[in-house]
Structures are given as C-alpha cells and as structure tokens.
C-alpha cells in the first residue's frame, strides 16, 4: 500500500494515504489504467462509526460527477457517497453486502466501494491531493 500518515482534526485522528485523490465529500480515488477505484476516507468512516449496510450502484449505471452513487448505513446515520468523476460503473465490491464492516476496518483497501470508468478524465484534475484534503477536513472540523 502507498505511504500513509495520521492527522488530527478536531477530536478525530484519521489516516490519509499519499498518492490518492480526494473529494470535499470524503471519497478517495485511486486511478488505475484509465479506471478509478473509489471508497470513503478513514475520516468519513470514523464520523459514521459502525457501518452496518451498503447500497451500491449496478455495473453499467452511469453517473455525473457529484451525483449520489451509493449509500452507507451506520448505527448513527445514513450517508450518501458521491461520484468523484463522471462515468460508468464497471464493478462494485460485492463483499460489502455480507461484510459492510470492511469499510470501517480497511477503508483504503478491502473496503473500497466501486470502480468507475471516467467519461471525462480531465475531471480528475479538480480532485484534491492528500494535503489539500487534510486542509479541507481541518476547516470543517474547526467550523470554517
């Protein structure tokens, strides 16, 4: 796995992985041979706490950047996951139907959510690097 580091924002300590791209809505993106693997960040899963269920898109579904794509149900709340890029869903992590807790245990690995084939690869330039993502979270935690 890529290099990661811990960050504290407010009362939450979370892990960030270098080399991934991030959204303001707490999704991570790993670009792989013209495809994008997507999950939620460690920060997001810590805010949700115990994830008990997932609703994932169907392979072949098409979304525009920013559309709600998936839903995570936790003991505290239900949260939408948004498309970080426009495109078509190629694959979903079906293990999560049986083991939704993988999102909590390994958000950057086994807990990935879906793979999307970007229809506009230039949108990736609008995503945040790890440092910009950390700044975004810190601003939110400080209430700015």
N, C-alpha and C. Protein backbone atom coordinates (compact mmCIF):
# COMPACT_ATOMS: atom_id res chain seq x y z
N UNK A 1 0.85 -1.19 0.00
CA UNK A 1 0.00 0.00 0.00
C UNK A 1 0.89 1.24 0.00
N UNK A 2 0.36 2.31 -0.51
CA UNK A 2 1.09 3.58 -0.58
C UNK A 2 1.34 4.10 0.83
N UNK A 3 2.23 5.03 0.92
CA UNK A 3 2.58 5.63 2.20
C UNK A 3 1.38 6.36 2.79
N UNK A 4 1.17 6.18 4.09
CA UNK A 4 0.06 6.87 4.75
C UNK A 4 0.57 7.57 6.00
N UNK A 5 -0.24 8.48 6.51
CA UNK A 5 0.14 9.19 7.73
C UNK A 5 -1.12 9.57 8.50
N UNK A 6 -0.95 9.81 9.79
CA UNK A 6 -2.07 10.15 10.66
C UNK A 6 -2.17 11.66 10.81
N UNK A 7 -3.42 12.13 10.91
CA UNK A 7 -3.71 13.54 11.04
C UNK A 7 -4.78 13.68 12.13
N UNK A 8 -4.71 14.77 12.87
CA UNK A 8 -5.75 15.05 13.85
C UNK A 8 -6.47 16.32 13.45
N UNK A 9 -7.79 16.23 13.38
CA UNK A 9 -8.63 17.39 13.08
C UNK A 9 -9.75 17.39 14.11
N UNK A 10 -9.83 18.43 14.91
CA UNK A 10 -10.80 18.42 15.99
C UNK A 10 -10.47 17.26 16.91
N UNK A 11 -11.45 16.44 17.23
CA UNK A 11 -11.23 15.31 18.13
C UNK A 11 -10.95 14.01 17.37
N UNK A 12 -10.90 14.07 16.04
CA UNK A 12 -10.79 12.85 15.24
C UNK A 12 -9.38 12.70 14.69
N UNK A 13 -8.77 11.54 14.98
CA UNK A 13 -7.49 11.21 14.35
C UNK A 13 -7.79 10.24 13.22
N UNK A 14 -7.26 10.52 12.04
CA UNK A 14 -7.56 9.68 10.89
C UNK A 14 -6.32 9.52 10.02
N UNK A 15 -6.36 8.52 9.17
CA UNK A 15 -5.25 8.20 8.28
C UNK A 15 -5.54 8.74 6.89
N UNK A 16 -4.50 9.27 6.26
CA UNK A 16 -4.57 9.76 4.89
C UNK A 16 -3.50 9.02 4.10
N UNK A 17 -3.81 8.65 2.87
CA UNK A 17 -2.87 7.93 2.01
C UNK A 17 -2.35 8.88 0.94
N UNK A 18 -1.02 8.95 0.84
CA UNK A 18 -0.41 9.77 -0.21
C UNK A 18 -0.65 9.10 -1.56
N UNK A 19 -0.77 9.92 -2.59
CA UNK A 19 -0.91 9.38 -3.94
C UNK A 19 -2.33 9.13 -4.38
N UNK A 20 -3.29 9.18 -3.42
CA UNK A 20 -4.69 9.08 -3.81
C UNK A 20 -5.21 10.49 -4.07
N UNK A 21 -6.35 10.56 -4.74
CA UNK A 21 -7.06 11.82 -4.93
C UNK A 21 -8.29 11.80 -4.02
N UNK A 22 -8.74 12.98 -3.62
CA UNK A 22 -9.82 13.06 -2.66
C UNK A 22 -10.85 14.08 -3.10
N UNK A 23 -12.07 13.95 -2.52
CA UNK A 23 -13.13 14.92 -2.76
C UNK A 23 -13.43 15.68 -1.47
N UNK A 24 -14.11 16.80 -1.61
CA UNK A 24 -14.57 17.56 -0.44
C UNK A 24 -15.63 16.77 0.33
N UNK A 25 -16.23 15.75 -0.30
CA UNK A 25 -17.27 14.95 0.34
C UNK A 25 -16.72 13.62 0.85
N UNK A 26 -15.41 13.53 1.02
CA UNK A 26 -14.74 12.42 1.71
C UNK A 26 -14.68 11.10 0.95
N UNK A 27 -14.67 11.17 -0.38
CA UNK A 27 -14.37 9.97 -1.17
C UNK A 27 -12.89 10.01 -1.53
N UNK A 28 -12.28 8.82 -1.68
CA UNK A 28 -10.93 8.74 -2.24
C UNK A 28 -11.01 8.08 -3.60
N UNK A 29 -10.02 8.40 -4.43
CA UNK A 29 -9.98 7.88 -5.80
C UNK A 29 -8.56 7.38 -6.07
N UNK A 30 -8.46 6.14 -6.55
CA UNK A 30 -7.17 5.60 -6.99
C UNK A 30 -7.29 5.36 -8.49
N UNK A 31 -6.56 6.14 -9.29
CA UNK A 31 -6.60 5.97 -10.74
C UNK A 31 -5.76 4.75 -11.11
N UNK A 32 -6.36 3.84 -11.89
CA UNK A 32 -5.72 2.57 -12.27
C UNK A 32 -5.99 2.30 -13.74
N UNK A 33 -5.03 2.53 -14.60
CA UNK A 33 -5.17 2.18 -16.01
C UNK A 33 -6.46 2.70 -16.64
N UNK A 34 -6.73 3.98 -16.49
CA UNK A 34 -7.91 4.56 -17.10
C UNK A 34 -9.19 4.33 -16.35
N UNK A 35 -9.12 3.66 -15.21
CA UNK A 35 -10.29 3.44 -14.37
C UNK A 35 -10.04 4.11 -13.02
N UNK A 36 -11.09 4.29 -12.25
CA UNK A 36 -10.95 4.90 -10.93
C UNK A 36 -11.63 4.02 -9.89
N UNK A 37 -10.84 3.55 -8.93
CA UNK A 37 -11.38 2.79 -7.79
C UNK A 37 -11.73 3.81 -6.71
N UNK A 38 -12.92 3.67 -6.12
CA UNK A 38 -13.44 4.68 -5.21
C UNK A 38 -13.85 4.05 -3.88
N UNK A 39 -13.58 4.79 -2.81
CA UNK A 39 -14.04 4.40 -1.48
C UNK A 39 -14.25 5.65 -0.65
N UNK A 40 -14.56 5.46 0.63
CA UNK A 40 -14.64 6.62 1.52
C UNK A 40 -13.38 6.67 2.37
N UNK A 41 -13.06 7.86 2.82
CA UNK A 41 -11.84 8.06 3.58
C UNK A 41 -11.97 7.53 5.00
N UNK A 42 -10.83 7.37 5.63
CA UNK A 42 -10.80 6.97 7.03
C UNK A 42 -11.55 7.98 7.89
N UNK A 43 -11.38 9.25 7.58
CA UNK A 43 -12.11 10.30 8.31
C UNK A 43 -13.63 10.06 8.22
N UNK A 44 -14.12 9.81 7.00
CA UNK A 44 -15.56 9.61 6.80
C UNK A 44 -16.06 8.40 7.57
N UNK A 45 -15.32 7.29 7.52
CA UNK A 45 -15.81 6.09 8.22
C UNK A 45 -15.78 6.31 9.73
N UNK A 46 -14.83 7.10 10.23
CA UNK A 46 -14.80 7.39 11.68
C UNK A 46 -15.97 8.28 12.08
N UNK A 47 -16.36 9.20 11.22
CA UNK A 47 -17.52 10.05 11.51
C UNK A 47 -18.81 9.21 11.52
N UNK A 48 -18.90 8.24 10.61
CA UNK A 48 -20.09 7.39 10.54
C UNK A 48 -20.12 6.35 11.65
N UNK A 49 -18.98 5.93 12.12
CA UNK A 49 -18.79 4.82 13.07
C UNK A 49 -19.21 3.50 12.44
N UNK A 50 -19.94 2.65 13.16
CA UNK A 50 -20.16 1.27 12.73
C UNK A 50 -21.07 1.18 11.50
N UNK A 51 -20.48 0.84 10.36
CA UNK A 51 -21.26 0.69 9.13
C UNK A 51 -21.90 -0.69 9.12
N UNK A 52 -23.22 -0.71 8.97
CA UNK A 52 -23.97 -1.96 9.07
C UNK A 52 -24.63 -2.37 7.76
N UNK A 53 -24.58 -1.49 6.76
CA UNK A 53 -25.20 -1.84 5.48
C UNK A 53 -24.73 -0.92 4.37
N UNK A 54 -24.80 -1.41 3.14
CA UNK A 54 -24.41 -0.62 1.98
C UNK A 54 -25.44 -0.79 0.87
N UNK A 55 -25.63 0.26 0.11
CA UNK A 55 -26.36 0.17 -1.16
C UNK A 55 -25.39 0.65 -2.21
N UNK A 56 -25.08 -0.23 -3.15
CA UNK A 56 -24.11 0.10 -4.19
C UNK A 56 -24.81 0.20 -5.53
N UNK A 57 -24.20 0.92 -6.48
CA UNK A 57 -24.79 1.03 -7.81
C UNK A 57 -24.67 -0.30 -8.55
N UNK A 58 -25.32 -0.39 -9.68
CA UNK A 58 -25.22 -1.57 -10.53
C UNK A 58 -24.14 -1.34 -11.59
N UNK A 59 -23.33 -2.35 -11.90
CA UNK A 59 -22.40 -2.20 -13.03
C UNK A 59 -23.18 -1.79 -14.28
N UNK A 60 -22.64 -0.82 -15.00
CA UNK A 60 -23.31 -0.30 -16.18
C UNK A 60 -24.05 1.01 -15.92
N UNK A 61 -24.36 1.28 -14.64
CA UNK A 61 -25.01 2.56 -14.31
C UNK A 61 -24.07 3.70 -14.65
N UNK A 62 -24.64 4.81 -15.09
CA UNK A 62 -23.83 5.99 -15.42
C UNK A 62 -24.19 7.13 -14.49
N UNK A 63 -23.16 7.87 -14.10
CA UNK A 63 -23.35 8.98 -13.17
C UNK A 63 -22.55 10.18 -13.63
N UNK A 64 -23.02 11.36 -13.22
CA UNK A 64 -22.26 12.59 -13.41
C UNK A 64 -21.53 12.89 -12.12
N UNK A 65 -20.42 13.58 -12.25
CA UNK A 65 -19.65 13.97 -11.07
C UNK A 65 -20.57 14.67 -10.08
N UNK A 66 -20.51 14.24 -8.82
CA UNK A 66 -21.32 14.85 -7.77
C UNK A 66 -22.65 14.17 -7.52
N UNK A 67 -23.05 13.24 -8.41
CA UNK A 67 -24.31 12.50 -8.20
C UNK A 67 -24.15 11.54 -7.01
N UNK A 68 -25.23 11.34 -6.22
CA UNK A 68 -25.18 10.28 -5.22
C UNK A 68 -25.13 8.93 -5.94
N UNK A 69 -24.18 8.08 -5.54
CA UNK A 69 -23.94 6.80 -6.22
C UNK A 69 -24.26 5.62 -5.31
N UNK A 70 -23.93 5.76 -4.03
CA UNK A 70 -24.07 4.66 -3.09
C UNK A 70 -24.53 5.24 -1.75
N UNK A 71 -25.01 4.35 -0.88
CA UNK A 71 -25.44 4.76 0.46
C UNK A 71 -24.79 3.84 1.48
N UNK A 72 -24.30 4.44 2.54
CA UNK A 72 -23.74 3.67 3.66
C UNK A 72 -24.64 3.90 4.86
N UNK A 73 -25.02 2.79 5.50
CA UNK A 73 -25.85 2.88 6.70
C UNK A 73 -24.98 2.54 7.89
N UNK A 74 -25.02 3.43 8.89
CA UNK A 74 -24.28 3.17 10.12
C UNK A 74 -25.26 3.18 11.28
N UNK A 75 -24.76 2.89 12.46
CA UNK A 75 -25.60 2.93 13.66
C UNK A 75 -26.10 4.35 13.90
N UNK A 76 -25.33 5.36 13.46
CA UNK A 76 -25.68 6.76 13.74
C UNK A 76 -26.48 7.41 12.63
N UNK A 77 -26.19 7.07 11.39
CA UNK A 77 -26.77 7.84 10.28
C UNK A 77 -26.68 7.06 8.98
N UNK A 78 -27.34 7.59 7.96
CA UNK A 78 -27.19 7.09 6.60
C UNK A 78 -26.48 8.18 5.82
N UNK A 79 -25.47 7.80 5.06
CA UNK A 79 -24.68 8.78 4.32
C UNK A 79 -24.62 8.41 2.85
N UNK A 80 -24.74 9.43 2.00
CA UNK A 80 -24.57 9.22 0.57
C UNK A 80 -23.10 9.25 0.22
N UNK A 81 -22.74 8.48 -0.79
CA UNK A 81 -21.41 8.52 -1.39
C UNK A 81 -21.61 9.10 -2.78
N UNK A 82 -20.78 10.07 -3.14
CA UNK A 82 -20.96 10.80 -4.39
C UNK A 82 -19.93 10.39 -5.43
N UNK A 83 -20.33 10.49 -6.69
CA UNK A 83 -19.41 10.16 -7.79
C UNK A 83 -18.32 11.23 -7.84
N UNK A 84 -17.06 10.83 -7.67
CA UNK A 84 -15.98 11.80 -7.75
C UNK A 84 -15.67 12.21 -9.19
N UNK A 85 -16.12 11.39 -10.12
CA UNK A 85 -15.90 11.61 -11.55
C UNK A 85 -17.14 11.16 -12.31
N UNK A 86 -17.41 11.77 -13.44
CA UNK A 86 -18.50 11.29 -14.30
C UNK A 86 -18.04 10.00 -14.97
N UNK A 87 -18.98 9.07 -15.17
CA UNK A 87 -18.62 7.85 -15.87
C UNK A 87 -19.57 6.71 -15.62
N UNK A 88 -19.11 5.52 -16.01
CA UNK A 88 -19.92 4.30 -15.95
C UNK A 88 -19.32 3.35 -14.92
N UNK A 89 -20.18 2.78 -14.10
CA UNK A 89 -19.74 1.83 -13.08
C UNK A 89 -19.32 0.53 -13.77
N UNK A 90 -18.11 0.09 -13.49
CA UNK A 90 -17.61 -1.16 -14.06
C UNK A 90 -17.75 -2.33 -13.08
N UNK A 91 -17.60 -2.03 -11.79
CA UNK A 91 -17.51 -3.09 -10.80
C UNK A 91 -17.91 -2.52 -9.45
N UNK A 92 -18.54 -3.36 -8.61
CA UNK A 92 -18.81 -2.96 -7.23
C UNK A 92 -18.20 -4.02 -6.30
N UNK A 93 -17.94 -3.62 -5.08
CA UNK A 93 -17.35 -4.53 -4.09
C UNK A 93 -18.47 -5.32 -3.42
N UNK A 94 -18.81 -6.46 -4.02
CA UNK A 94 -19.94 -7.25 -3.53
C UNK A 94 -19.70 -7.83 -2.15
N UNK A 95 -18.44 -7.95 -1.73
CA UNK A 95 -18.16 -8.43 -0.37
C UNK A 95 -18.83 -7.57 0.68
N UNK A 96 -19.03 -6.30 0.37
CA UNK A 96 -19.59 -5.38 1.35
C UNK A 96 -21.04 -5.70 1.71
N UNK A 97 -21.77 -6.41 0.83
CA UNK A 97 -23.14 -6.80 1.17
C UNK A 97 -23.13 -7.74 2.37
N UNK A 98 -22.14 -8.61 2.44
CA UNK A 98 -22.01 -9.56 3.55
C UNK A 98 -21.15 -9.01 4.69
N UNK A 99 -20.19 -8.14 4.34
CA UNK A 99 -19.23 -7.63 5.33
C UNK A 99 -19.10 -6.11 5.23
N UNK A 100 -20.18 -5.36 5.53
CA UNK A 100 -20.10 -3.91 5.41
C UNK A 100 -19.04 -3.29 6.34
N UNK A 101 -18.70 -4.03 7.40
CA UNK A 101 -17.70 -3.51 8.34
C UNK A 101 -16.30 -3.38 7.73
N UNK A 102 -16.08 -3.96 6.54
CA UNK A 102 -14.79 -3.78 5.86
C UNK A 102 -14.52 -2.31 5.58
N UNK A 103 -15.59 -1.53 5.39
CA UNK A 103 -15.41 -0.09 5.16
C UNK A 103 -14.77 0.55 6.39
N UNK A 104 -15.16 0.09 7.58
CA UNK A 104 -14.56 0.61 8.81
C UNK A 104 -13.15 0.06 9.02
N UNK A 105 -12.99 -1.24 8.76
CA UNK A 105 -11.70 -1.89 9.07
C UNK A 105 -10.59 -1.49 8.11
N UNK A 106 -10.92 -1.34 6.84
CA UNK A 106 -9.89 -1.12 5.82
C UNK A 106 -10.44 -0.22 4.71
N UNK A 107 -10.71 1.07 5.04
CA UNK A 107 -11.38 1.93 4.06
C UNK A 107 -10.59 2.15 2.77
N UNK A 108 -9.25 2.08 2.83
CA UNK A 108 -8.43 2.32 1.64
C UNK A 108 -8.06 1.02 0.91
N UNK A 109 -8.49 -0.12 1.45
CA UNK A 109 -8.13 -1.41 0.86
C UNK A 109 -9.36 -2.24 0.57
N UNK A 110 -9.58 -3.26 1.41
CA UNK A 110 -10.70 -4.20 1.21
C UNK A 110 -12.06 -3.52 1.25
N UNK A 111 -12.13 -2.33 1.83
CA UNK A 111 -13.41 -1.64 1.96
C UNK A 111 -13.75 -0.69 0.82
N UNK A 112 -13.05 -0.82 -0.32
CA UNK A 112 -13.38 0.01 -1.49
C UNK A 112 -14.84 -0.23 -1.89
N UNK A 113 -15.44 0.72 -2.60
CA UNK A 113 -16.87 0.63 -2.92
C UNK A 113 -17.15 0.24 -4.37
N UNK A 114 -16.54 0.96 -5.32
CA UNK A 114 -16.85 0.69 -6.73
C UNK A 114 -15.71 1.17 -7.62
N UNK A 115 -15.73 0.68 -8.87
CA UNK A 115 -14.79 1.13 -9.89
C UNK A 115 -15.61 1.81 -10.98
N UNK A 116 -15.17 2.99 -11.38
CA UNK A 116 -15.88 3.76 -12.41
C UNK A 116 -14.93 4.03 -13.57
N UNK A 117 -15.47 3.96 -14.77
CA UNK A 117 -14.70 4.31 -15.96
C UNK A 117 -15.02 5.76 -16.29
N UNK A 118 -14.05 6.67 -16.06
CA UNK A 118 -14.35 8.09 -16.26
C UNK A 118 -14.68 8.40 -17.71
N UNK A 119 -15.74 9.19 -17.91
CA UNK A 119 -16.09 9.63 -19.26
C UNK A 119 -15.39 10.95 -19.58
N UNK A 120 -14.89 11.64 -18.54
CA UNK A 120 -14.16 12.89 -18.73
C UNK A 120 -12.95 12.88 -17.79
N UNK A 121 -11.85 12.23 -18.21
CA UNK A 121 -10.68 12.09 -17.33
C UNK A 121 -10.13 13.41 -16.80
N UNK A 122 -10.40 14.53 -17.49
CA UNK A 122 -9.91 15.82 -17.01
C UNK A 122 -10.53 16.21 -15.67
N UNK A 123 -11.68 15.64 -15.33
CA UNK A 123 -12.30 15.95 -14.03
C UNK A 123 -11.38 15.58 -12.87
N UNK A 124 -10.49 14.62 -13.08
CA UNK A 124 -9.58 14.21 -12.00
C UNK A 124 -8.69 15.37 -11.56
N UNK A 125 -8.46 16.31 -12.46
CA UNK A 125 -7.62 17.47 -12.12
C UNK A 125 -8.28 18.35 -11.07
N UNK A 126 -9.60 18.21 -10.91
CA UNK A 126 -10.33 19.01 -9.94
C UNK A 126 -10.34 18.38 -8.55
N UNK A 127 -9.86 17.15 -8.44
CA UNK A 127 -9.84 16.47 -7.14
C UNK A 127 -8.67 16.99 -6.30
N UNK A 128 -8.75 16.71 -5.01
CA UNK A 128 -7.74 17.20 -4.06
C UNK A 128 -6.62 16.19 -3.89
N UNK A 129 -5.40 16.68 -3.67
CA UNK A 129 -4.34 15.77 -3.24
C UNK A 129 -4.47 15.58 -1.73
N UNK A 130 -3.63 14.75 -1.14
CA UNK A 130 -3.78 14.43 0.29
C UNK A 130 -3.67 15.69 1.16
N UNK A 131 -2.74 16.58 0.85
CA UNK A 131 -2.55 17.77 1.68
C UNK A 131 -3.75 18.70 1.61
N UNK A 132 -4.30 18.90 0.42
CA UNK A 132 -5.48 19.76 0.27
C UNK A 132 -6.68 19.13 0.98
N UNK A 133 -6.79 17.80 0.93
CA UNK A 133 -7.89 17.12 1.62
C UNK A 133 -7.78 17.33 3.13
N UNK A 134 -6.59 17.18 3.68
CA UNK A 134 -6.39 17.38 5.12
C UNK A 134 -6.81 18.80 5.51
N UNK A 135 -6.42 19.77 4.70
CA UNK A 135 -6.81 21.16 4.99
C UNK A 135 -8.33 21.32 4.95
N UNK A 136 -8.98 20.66 4.00
CA UNK A 136 -10.44 20.71 3.88
C UNK A 136 -11.10 20.15 5.15
N UNK A 137 -10.62 19.02 5.63
CA UNK A 137 -11.19 18.40 6.83
C UNK A 137 -10.96 19.30 8.04
N UNK A 138 -9.75 19.83 8.17
CA UNK A 138 -9.45 20.69 9.32
C UNK A 138 -10.37 21.91 9.34
N UNK A 139 -10.62 22.50 8.18
CA UNK A 139 -11.52 23.66 8.11
C UNK A 139 -12.93 23.27 8.56
N UNK A 140 -13.39 22.10 8.12
CA UNK A 140 -14.73 21.65 8.52
C UNK A 140 -14.80 21.40 10.02
N UNK A 141 -13.78 20.75 10.57
CA UNK A 141 -13.76 20.43 11.99
C UNK A 141 -13.69 21.71 12.84
N UNK A 142 -13.05 22.73 12.30
CA UNK A 142 -12.96 24.00 13.03
C UNK A 142 -14.18 24.87 12.78
N UNK A 143 -15.06 24.42 11.90
CA UNK A 143 -16.30 25.14 11.65
C UNK A 143 -16.16 26.36 10.75
N UNK A 144 -15.18 26.35 9.84
CA UNK A 144 -15.00 27.50 8.93
C UNK A 144 -15.66 27.22 7.60
